[in-house]
């Protein structure tokens, strides 16, 4: 049953006293992430932004950088006649993006069986300008046959077939890179890799935020399903990049080692592998490495870890191995260097806000 619009000021948006709009948004995003992953296991990953710069979720085809930014605008009540209304503030006009409009009524706070999934270009045509943003309205029962919003109503329990499979290019085959015959190489010590791994991701994220400011959104998969550790979204050019981050300890001979699993790796022009050499005490070395994914097979050797094939990297830092010189970047300049290489210089003035 639809809730009447409340008079309580705190409940004027959510329809429920004590539930803020931000809390409702978090609940909606969590429900939608779960619904996508249940509907499309093995094909879809969903990333959450580290800082909200306009998009709430990033839908991605696993083992690709086919990414679709998503803005979620949920409601927990309907108007008296059952009409759904939602105002959407600033919206980046990303041609690959979507606006999702779910209805999540109390007391269970579960997704209604239907929701609107609207490509951003179509949303801008449908919604009415409203102040600095837009006002959307429609009926979940599609009672008015002529309403243009009906074509974007889909079933919540059939997201894969009614939404994902209809995204242009979503169903294109995914091909992994070939792996040469396995060789017996020294394995990366697992405890060291695990101990420093998250530290490296967090440190690099801080450098990228400082370099990109409000022009670059960073996002991480809620559940890691392939090699992508960090997504980058340039809010000016609307380009997408991906990073594979390895924080690698030096062994007793001053050798940097890293290993990338073959089954989760893929090649894309906007995917880069970042190597962060790290001393035993956690101090980062003065030099980092930014390697295009396409170059990984040529700077590594094939290896197998308990039957799990992968790419094994090993090189000396001092003197630096010749094969690694093209990828070397001063650690202090890494944030700017990564953004410049991923977006090929398109992010020219980070101090100026995105449109």
Protein backbone atom coordinates (compact mmCIF):
# COMPACT_ATOMS: atom_id res chain seq x y z
CA UNK A 1 0.00 0.00 0.00
CA UNK A 2 1.34 3.43 -0.90
CA UNK A 3 2.27 5.74 1.94
CA UNK A 4 0.80 9.22 1.99
CA UNK A 5 3.25 12.07 1.82
CA UNK A 6 4.34 12.75 5.41
CA UNK A 7 4.14 16.04 7.29
CA UNK A 8 7.10 15.35 9.61
CA UNK A 9 9.97 17.55 8.23
CA UNK A 10 12.54 14.79 8.75
CA UNK A 11 10.31 12.32 6.92
CA UNK A 12 9.35 14.63 4.06
CA UNK A 13 11.72 12.84 1.70
CA UNK A 14 11.82 9.26 2.99
CA UNK A 15 8.23 8.90 4.16
CA UNK A 16 9.35 7.48 7.50
CA UNK A 17 10.20 9.42 10.69
CA UNK A 18 13.86 9.11 11.63
CA UNK A 19 15.04 7.84 8.22
CA UNK A 20 17.10 10.49 6.43
CA UNK A 21 17.45 10.79 2.68
CA UNK A 22 21.11 9.75 2.93
CA UNK A 23 20.17 6.63 4.90
CA UNK A 24 17.46 5.72 2.41
CA UNK A 25 19.95 6.19 -0.42
CA UNK A 26 22.43 3.85 1.24
CA UNK A 27 19.75 1.20 1.74
CA UNK A 28 18.65 1.53 -1.89
CA UNK A 29 22.19 1.24 -3.23
CA UNK A 30 22.85 -1.84 -1.11
CA UNK A 31 19.65 -3.50 -2.31
CA UNK A 32 20.45 -2.72 -5.94
CA UNK A 33 24.03 -4.01 -5.73
CA UNK A 34 22.75 -7.28 -4.30
CA UNK A 35 20.02 -7.52 -6.94
CA UNK A 36 22.52 -7.04 -9.78
CA UNK A 37 24.98 -9.59 -8.42
CA UNK A 38 22.24 -12.15 -7.83
CA UNK A 39 20.75 -11.56 -11.28
CA UNK A 40 24.06 -11.68 -13.15
CA UNK A 41 26.58 -13.83 -11.24
CA UNK A 42 29.86 -14.16 -13.09
CA UNK A 43 29.19 -11.34 -15.55
CA UNK A 44 28.60 -8.12 -13.58
CA UNK A 45 30.67 -6.28 -10.98
CA UNK A 46 29.47 -3.23 -9.07
CA UNK A 47 31.89 -0.65 -7.68
CA UNK A 48 31.17 1.95 -5.01
CA UNK A 49 32.80 5.40 -5.14
CA UNK A 50 35.25 6.29 -2.40
CA UNK A 51 33.77 9.80 -2.51
CA UNK A 52 30.41 10.68 -4.04
CA UNK A 53 31.07 13.07 -6.92
CA UNK A 54 27.77 12.52 -8.70
CA UNK A 55 27.44 8.78 -9.27
CA UNK A 56 26.42 6.22 -6.67
CA UNK A 57 27.41 2.95 -8.39
CA UNK A 58 29.59 1.79 -11.27
CA UNK A 59 28.27 -1.23 -13.16
CA UNK A 60 31.01 -3.13 -15.01
CA UNK A 61 31.20 -6.19 -17.22
CA UNK A 62 33.66 -8.53 -15.50
CA UNK A 63 37.13 -8.72 -17.12
CA UNK A 64 36.47 -5.56 -19.15
CA UNK A 65 36.31 -1.80 -18.70
CA UNK A 66 32.78 -1.66 -20.11
CA UNK A 67 31.58 0.57 -17.31
CA UNK A 68 28.22 2.27 -16.79
CA UNK A 69 27.99 4.95 -14.08
CA UNK A 70 24.70 4.88 -12.16
CA UNK A 71 22.89 7.54 -10.17
CA UNK A 72 20.28 6.15 -7.77
CA UNK A 73 17.28 8.18 -6.64
CA UNK A 74 15.07 6.17 -4.30
CA UNK A 75 11.72 6.92 -2.74
CA UNK A 76 9.98 5.24 0.20
CA UNK A 77 6.56 6.82 -0.34
CA UNK A 78 4.23 7.67 -3.22
CA UNK A 79 1.88 10.59 -3.76
CA UNK A 80 -1.78 10.20 -2.78
CA UNK A 81 -2.76 8.92 -6.22
CA UNK A 82 0.16 6.45 -6.34
CA UNK A 83 2.43 8.67 -8.41
CA UNK A 84 6.18 8.29 -7.93
CA UNK A 85 8.05 11.60 -7.85
CA UNK A 86 11.77 12.18 -7.50
CA UNK A 87 13.94 15.23 -7.94
CA UNK A 88 17.44 14.71 -9.30
CA UNK A 89 20.01 17.40 -8.69
CA UNK A 90 23.21 17.78 -10.67
CA UNK A 91 23.63 15.04 -13.26
CA UNK A 92 26.73 14.44 -15.36
CA UNK A 93 25.54 13.82 -18.95
CA UNK A 94 27.50 10.59 -19.35
CA UNK A 95 26.18 8.84 -22.49
CA UNK A 96 26.95 5.45 -20.90
CA UNK A 97 25.31 6.27 -17.58
CA UNK A 98 21.93 5.38 -16.08
CA UNK A 99 19.47 6.79 -13.59
CA UNK A 100 17.81 4.13 -11.41
CA UNK A 101 14.59 5.01 -9.62
CA UNK A 102 13.58 2.33 -7.09
CA UNK A 103 10.69 2.36 -4.64
CA UNK A 104 11.63 1.00 -1.19
CA UNK A 105 8.71 1.24 1.23
CA UNK A 106 8.83 0.59 4.98
CA UNK A 107 8.69 -1.37 7.15
CA UNK A 108 10.70 -3.99 5.22
CA UNK A 109 12.71 -1.56 3.06
CA UNK A 110 12.87 -4.03 0.18
CA UNK A 111 12.88 -3.18 -3.52
CA UNK A 112 9.47 -2.92 -5.13
CA UNK A 113 9.00 -5.56 -7.87
CA UNK A 114 9.45 -2.87 -10.53
CA UNK A 115 11.79 0.09 -10.98
CA UNK A 116 12.82 2.53 -13.68
CA UNK A 117 16.20 2.06 -15.37
CA UNK A 118 16.74 5.01 -17.70
CA UNK A 119 19.81 5.87 -19.81
CA UNK A 120 20.94 9.37 -18.88
CA UNK A 121 20.37 10.82 -22.40
CA UNK A 122 16.77 9.54 -22.27
CA UNK A 123 16.28 10.75 -18.70
CA UNK A 124 17.24 14.27 -19.73
CA UNK A 125 14.49 14.15 -22.36
CA UNK A 126 11.85 12.70 -20.03
CA UNK A 127 12.38 14.67 -16.84
CA UNK A 128 11.21 18.24 -16.38
CA UNK A 129 13.74 20.96 -15.50
CA UNK A 130 13.33 21.81 -11.83
CA UNK A 131 15.56 24.47 -10.30
CA UNK A 132 19.14 23.33 -10.79
CA UNK A 133 18.06 19.76 -11.50
CA UNK A 134 15.20 17.67 -12.83
CA UNK A 135 11.86 16.33 -11.65
CA UNK A 136 10.78 12.83 -12.64
CA UNK A 137 7.31 11.38 -12.21
CA UNK A 138 5.64 8.14 -13.22
CA UNK A 139 3.47 5.24 -12.10
CA UNK A 140 4.86 1.84 -11.18
CA UNK A 141 1.70 0.15 -12.45
CA UNK A 142 2.09 1.86 -15.87
CA UNK A 143 -1.54 2.93 -15.64
CA UNK A 144 -1.21 5.48 -18.45
CA UNK A 145 -0.40 3.53 -21.58
CA UNK A 146 0.85 6.58 -23.45
CA UNK A 147 3.39 7.55 -20.77
CA UNK A 148 6.93 7.63 -22.16
CA UNK A 149 8.29 6.43 -18.82
CA UNK A 150 6.67 2.99 -19.15
CA UNK A 151 9.28 1.74 -21.62
CA UNK A 152 11.94 2.00 -18.90
CA UNK A 153 10.03 0.05 -16.23
CA UNK A 154 11.61 -3.34 -15.62
CA UNK A 155 11.22 -6.22 -13.17
CA UNK A 156 13.58 -6.10 -10.21
CA UNK A 157 14.10 -9.87 -10.28
CA UNK A 158 15.04 -9.89 -13.99
CA UNK A 159 17.73 -7.22 -14.21
CA UNK A 160 20.04 -9.40 -16.28
CA UNK A 161 17.63 -10.02 -19.14
CA UNK A 162 15.66 -6.77 -19.10
CA UNK A 163 18.57 -4.39 -18.47
CA UNK A 164 22.10 -5.76 -18.67
CA UNK A 165 21.66 -7.87 -21.80
CA UNK A 166 20.15 -4.87 -23.59
CA UNK A 167 23.11 -2.58 -22.91
CA UNK A 168 24.97 -2.06 -26.22
CA UNK A 169 28.13 -4.17 -26.20
CA UNK A 170 27.38 -5.89 -22.89
CA UNK A 171 27.10 -9.34 -24.44
CA UNK A 172 30.24 -9.06 -26.57
CA UNK A 173 32.56 -12.00 -25.86
CA UNK A 174 35.24 -11.51 -23.21
CA UNK A 175 38.65 -12.84 -24.25
CA UNK A 176 41.55 -13.24 -21.83
CA UNK A 177 45.18 -12.78 -22.94
CA UNK A 178 47.16 -15.83 -23.91
CA UNK A 179 49.69 -17.25 -21.51
CA UNK A 180 52.97 -18.80 -22.58
CA UNK A 181 54.15 -22.19 -21.38
CA UNK A 182 54.66 -22.19 -17.61
CA UNK A 183 58.16 -21.84 -16.23
CA UNK A 184 59.44 -22.54 -12.74
CA UNK A 185 60.05 -19.15 -11.13
CA UNK A 186 60.42 -17.95 -7.56
CA UNK A 187 57.00 -17.24 -6.09
CA UNK A 188 56.06 -13.96 -4.42
CA UNK A 189 55.93 -14.45 -0.63
CA UNK A 190 52.22 -14.40 0.13
CA UNK A 191 52.38 -12.95 3.66
CA UNK A 192 54.36 -9.91 2.48
CA UNK A 193 52.03 -9.28 -0.45
CA UNK A 194 48.91 -9.51 1.71
CA UNK A 195 50.37 -7.39 4.50
CA UNK A 196 51.18 -4.43 2.27
CA UNK A 197 48.49 -4.80 -0.38
CA UNK A 198 45.71 -2.73 1.16
CA UNK A 199 48.16 -0.15 2.43
CA UNK A 200 49.33 0.46 -1.13
CA UNK A 201 45.78 0.80 -2.46
CA UNK A 202 44.84 3.33 0.20
CA UNK A 203 48.03 5.33 -0.26
CA UNK A 204 47.63 5.46 -4.05
CA UNK A 205 43.96 6.43 -3.69
CA UNK A 206 44.97 9.40 -1.54
CA UNK A 207 47.48 10.55 -4.18
CA UNK A 208 44.91 10.23 -6.97
CA UNK A 209 42.34 12.20 -4.98
CA UNK A 210 44.86 14.94 -4.35
CA UNK A 211 45.78 15.07 -8.05
CA UNK A 212 42.28 14.82 -9.50
CA UNK A 213 40.28 16.61 -6.81
CA UNK A 214 36.61 16.96 -7.81
CA UNK A 215 37.28 16.00 -11.44
CA UNK A 216 38.09 12.31 -10.93
CA UNK A 217 35.89 9.80 -9.13
CA UNK A 218 37.52 6.70 -7.62
CA UNK A 219 35.56 3.50 -7.08
CA UNK A 220 36.24 -0.01 -5.80
CA UNK A 221 34.29 -3.19 -6.45
CA UNK A 222 32.14 -4.19 -3.53
CA UNK A 223 33.24 -7.76 -4.20
CA UNK A 224 36.57 -8.20 -6.01
CA UNK A 225 35.99 -10.56 -8.93
CA UNK A 226 38.88 -9.83 -11.31
CA UNK A 227 42.15 -7.92 -11.43
CA UNK A 228 40.71 -4.38 -11.23
CA UNK A 229 41.54 -2.80 -7.88
CA UNK A 230 40.46 0.76 -8.64
CA UNK A 231 38.21 2.40 -11.23
CA UNK A 232 38.86 5.99 -12.33
CA UNK A 233 36.13 8.16 -13.86
CA UNK A 234 37.18 11.45 -15.46
CA UNK A 235 34.12 13.65 -14.94
CA UNK A 236 35.24 16.03 -17.70
CA UNK A 237 35.90 13.74 -20.62
CA UNK A 238 33.71 11.00 -19.02
CA UNK A 239 36.47 8.50 -19.82
CA UNK A 240 36.98 5.41 -17.65
CA UNK A 241 40.26 3.89 -16.52
CA UNK A 242 41.24 0.93 -14.39
CA UNK A 243 44.19 0.14 -12.14
CA UNK A 244 45.71 -3.14 -11.01
CA UNK A 245 47.72 -2.29 -7.89
CA UNK A 246 50.55 -4.42 -6.52
CA UNK A 247 52.46 -3.37 -3.42
CA UNK A 248 55.58 -5.49 -3.72
CA UNK A 249 58.19 -6.11 -1.06
CA UNK A 250 61.87 -6.36 -1.92
CA UNK A 251 63.63 -9.64 -1.23
CA UNK A 252 67.07 -9.96 0.34
CA UNK A 253 68.77 -9.43 -3.04
CA UNK A 254 66.94 -6.16 -3.75
CA UNK A 255 64.59 -7.76 -6.27
CA UNK A 256 60.99 -6.60 -6.71
CA UNK A 257 58.52 -9.39 -7.34
CA UNK A 258 54.84 -9.45 -8.21
CA UNK A 259 52.36 -11.96 -9.57
CA UNK A 260 49.12 -11.44 -11.54
CA UNK A 261 46.64 -14.27 -11.90
CA UNK A 262 45.90 -15.13 -15.51
CA UNK A 263 42.28 -16.08 -14.90
CA UNK A 264 41.36 -12.62 -13.59
CA UNK A 265 43.56 -10.51 -15.88
CA UNK A 266 42.58 -8.82 -19.13
CA UNK A 267 43.98 -6.24 -21.53
CA UNK A 268 42.43 -2.85 -22.24
CA UNK A 269 44.02 0.40 -23.49
CA UNK A 270 42.84 2.15 -20.31
CA UNK A 271 43.96 -0.55 -17.86
CA UNK A 272 47.30 -0.06 -16.12
CA UNK A 273 49.28 -2.11 -13.61
CA UNK A 274 50.83 -0.07 -10.78
CA UNK A 275 53.83 -1.53 -8.96
CA UNK A 276 54.64 0.03 -5.58
CA UNK A 277 57.99 -1.29 -4.26
CA UNK A 278 57.85 -1.36 -0.48
CA UNK A 279 60.50 -1.92 2.19
CA UNK A 280 59.95 -4.33 5.07
CA UNK A 281 59.08 -1.48 7.45
CA UNK A 282 56.31 -0.27 5.14
CA UNK A 283 58.25 2.62 3.63
CA UNK A 284 57.60 3.09 -0.07
CA UNK A 285 60.58 3.24 -2.41
CA UNK A 286 61.33 6.45 -4.32
CA UNK A 287 60.25 4.89 -7.63
CA UNK A 288 56.94 3.39 -8.74
CA UNK A 289 56.00 1.76 -12.05
CA UNK A 290 53.02 2.41 -14.32
CA UNK A 291 52.71 -0.42 -16.86
CA UNK A 292 50.06 -0.65 -19.60
CA UNK A 293 48.19 -3.93 -19.26
CA UNK A 294 49.13 -4.83 -22.83
CA UNK A 295 52.83 -4.82 -21.84
CA UNK A 296 52.49 -7.25 -18.93
CA UNK A 297 53.10 -10.42 -20.99
CA UNK A 298 56.36 -8.96 -22.32
CA UNK A 299 57.81 -7.90 -18.94
CA UNK A 300 56.83 -11.06 -17.04
CA UNK A 301 57.22 -14.80 -17.37
CA UNK A 302 54.52 -17.44 -17.18
CA UNK A 303 54.28 -19.30 -13.89
CA UNK A 304 52.01 -21.64 -12.00
CA UNK A 305 51.18 -21.40 -8.31
CA UNK A 306 49.60 -24.67 -7.14
CA UNK A 307 48.12 -25.10 -10.58
CA UNK A 308 46.94 -21.48 -10.83
CA UNK A 309 48.55 -19.91 -13.95
CA UNK A 310 49.78 -16.35 -13.83
CA UNK A 311 52.28 -13.68 -14.85
CA UNK A 312 55.38 -13.54 -12.65
CA UNK A 313 57.29 -10.26 -12.57
CA UNK A 314 60.80 -9.93 -11.18
CA UNK A 315 63.29 -7.09 -11.61
CA UNK A 316 66.16 -5.35 -9.82
CA UNK A 317 65.70 -1.81 -8.54
CA UNK A 318 69.35 -0.76 -8.21
CA UNK A 319 70.57 -0.63 -10.86
CA UNK A 320 67.14 -0.56 -12.47
CA UNK A 321 66.48 -3.31 -14.99
CA UNK A 322 66.44 -1.92 -18.53
CA UNK A 323 63.04 -3.43 -19.35
CA UNK A 324 61.43 -1.42 -16.53
CA UNK A 325 62.86 2.01 -17.34
CA UNK A 326 59.97 3.12 -19.62
CA UNK A 327 57.52 2.57 -16.78
CA UNK A 328 59.43 4.22 -13.92
CA UNK A 329 57.80 7.23 -12.21
CA UNK A 330 58.97 9.17 -9.14
CA UNK A 331 56.81 8.02 -6.24
CA UNK A 332 56.11 11.61 -5.21
CA UNK A 333 54.61 12.35 -8.65
CA UNK A 334 52.67 9.11 -9.00
CA UNK A 335 49.14 10.52 -8.66
CA UNK A 336 49.59 13.06 -11.45
CA UNK A 337 51.50 10.59 -13.62
CA UNK A 338 48.79 7.92 -13.38
CA UNK A 339 46.00 10.33 -14.30
CA UNK A 340 48.04 11.72 -17.19
CA UNK A 341 48.71 8.27 -18.64
CA UNK A 342 45.25 6.84 -18.08
CA UNK A 343 43.45 9.87 -19.49
CA UNK A 344 46.24 10.85 -21.89
CA UNK A 345 46.57 14.42 -20.69
CA UNK A 346 42.86 15.26 -20.93
CA UNK A 347 42.71 16.19 -17.24
CA UNK A 348 44.65 19.40 -17.73
CA UNK A 349 43.47 21.62 -14.87
CA UNK A 350 42.36 19.72 -11.75
CA UNK A 351 41.64 22.96 -9.91
CA UNK A 352 38.75 23.79 -12.25
CA UNK A 353 35.54 21.93 -11.36
CA UNK A 354 33.87 19.57 -13.78
CA UNK A 355 30.76 20.80 -15.56
